Amino acid sequence: MHVLHQIPARQTRRHDRTLDCPCGPSQTVMKRPGEQPAVTITHHALPKETR
């Protein structure tokens, strides 16, 4: 199985590479005959941190 995480630019350190990420990512699965399933986990932008 191939897993691809799509994370908004400049936020890679703020996301967990799991489905339990605080952004509530969505997941899609594609499967072509004779190939391994490809899972795409799409992460969503998190609000900017206030300091």
Protein backbone atom coordinates (compact mmCIF):
# COMPACT_ATOMS: atom_id res chain seq x y z
CA MET A 1 0.00 0.00 0.00
CA HIS A 2 1.26 3.48 -0.85
CA VAL A 3 0.45 6.29 1.61
CA LEU A 4 0.82 9.95 0.63
CA HIS A 5 0.37 12.82 3.08
CA GLN A 6 -0.57 16.15 1.58
CA ILE A 7 0.28 18.85 4.13
CA PRO A 8 -0.21 22.60 3.64
CA ALA A 9 3.01 24.43 2.77
CA ARG A 10 5.02 25.79 5.72
CA GLN A 11 3.07 23.67 8.24
CA THR A 12 4.88 20.34 8.00
CA ARG A 13 6.17 20.46 11.59
CA ARG A 14 2.71 21.15 13.03
CA HIS A 15 1.03 18.02 11.62
CA ASP A 16 1.18 14.41 12.82
CA ARG A 17 1.48 11.85 10.04
CA THR A 18 -1.53 9.95 11.35
CA LEU A 19 -5.29 10.13 11.00
CA ASP A 20 -5.35 11.49 14.57
CA CYS A 21 -3.72 14.74 13.45
CA PRO A 22 -5.40 17.77 15.12
CA CYS A 23 -6.41 19.17 11.72
CA GLY A 24 -8.85 16.29 11.12
CA PRO A 25 -7.41 15.10 7.79
CA SER A 26 -9.53 13.47 5.12
CA GLN A 27 -8.60 10.17 3.49
CA THR A 28 -9.15 8.81 -0.01
CA VAL A 29 -8.21 5.39 -1.38
CA MET A 30 -7.62 4.57 -5.04
CA LYS A 31 -7.05 1.08 -6.41
CA ARG A 32 -6.28 0.14 -9.97
CA PRO A 33 -6.53 -3.48 -11.12
CA GLY A 34 -3.27 -5.30 -10.46
CA GLU A 35 -1.77 -2.48 -8.35
CA GLN A 36 -1.42 -1.79 -4.64
CA PRO A 37 -3.99 0.57 -3.11
CA ALA A 38 -2.87 4.20 -2.89
CA VAL A 39 -4.06 6.09 0.19
CA THR A 40 -3.96 9.89 0.18
CA ILE A 41 -4.29 11.63 3.54
CA THR A 42 -5.06 15.32 2.99
CA HIS A 43 -4.24 17.56 5.93
CA HIS A 44 -5.96 20.91 6.40
CA ALA A 45 -4.44 24.23 7.44
CA LEU A 46 -4.17 24.78 11.17
CA PRO A 47 -4.82 28.25 12.59
CA LYS A 48 -1.70 30.30 13.21
CA GLU A 49 -0.27 30.03 16.71
CA THR A 50 -0.42 33.12 18.86
CA ARG A 51 2.63 33.87 20.95
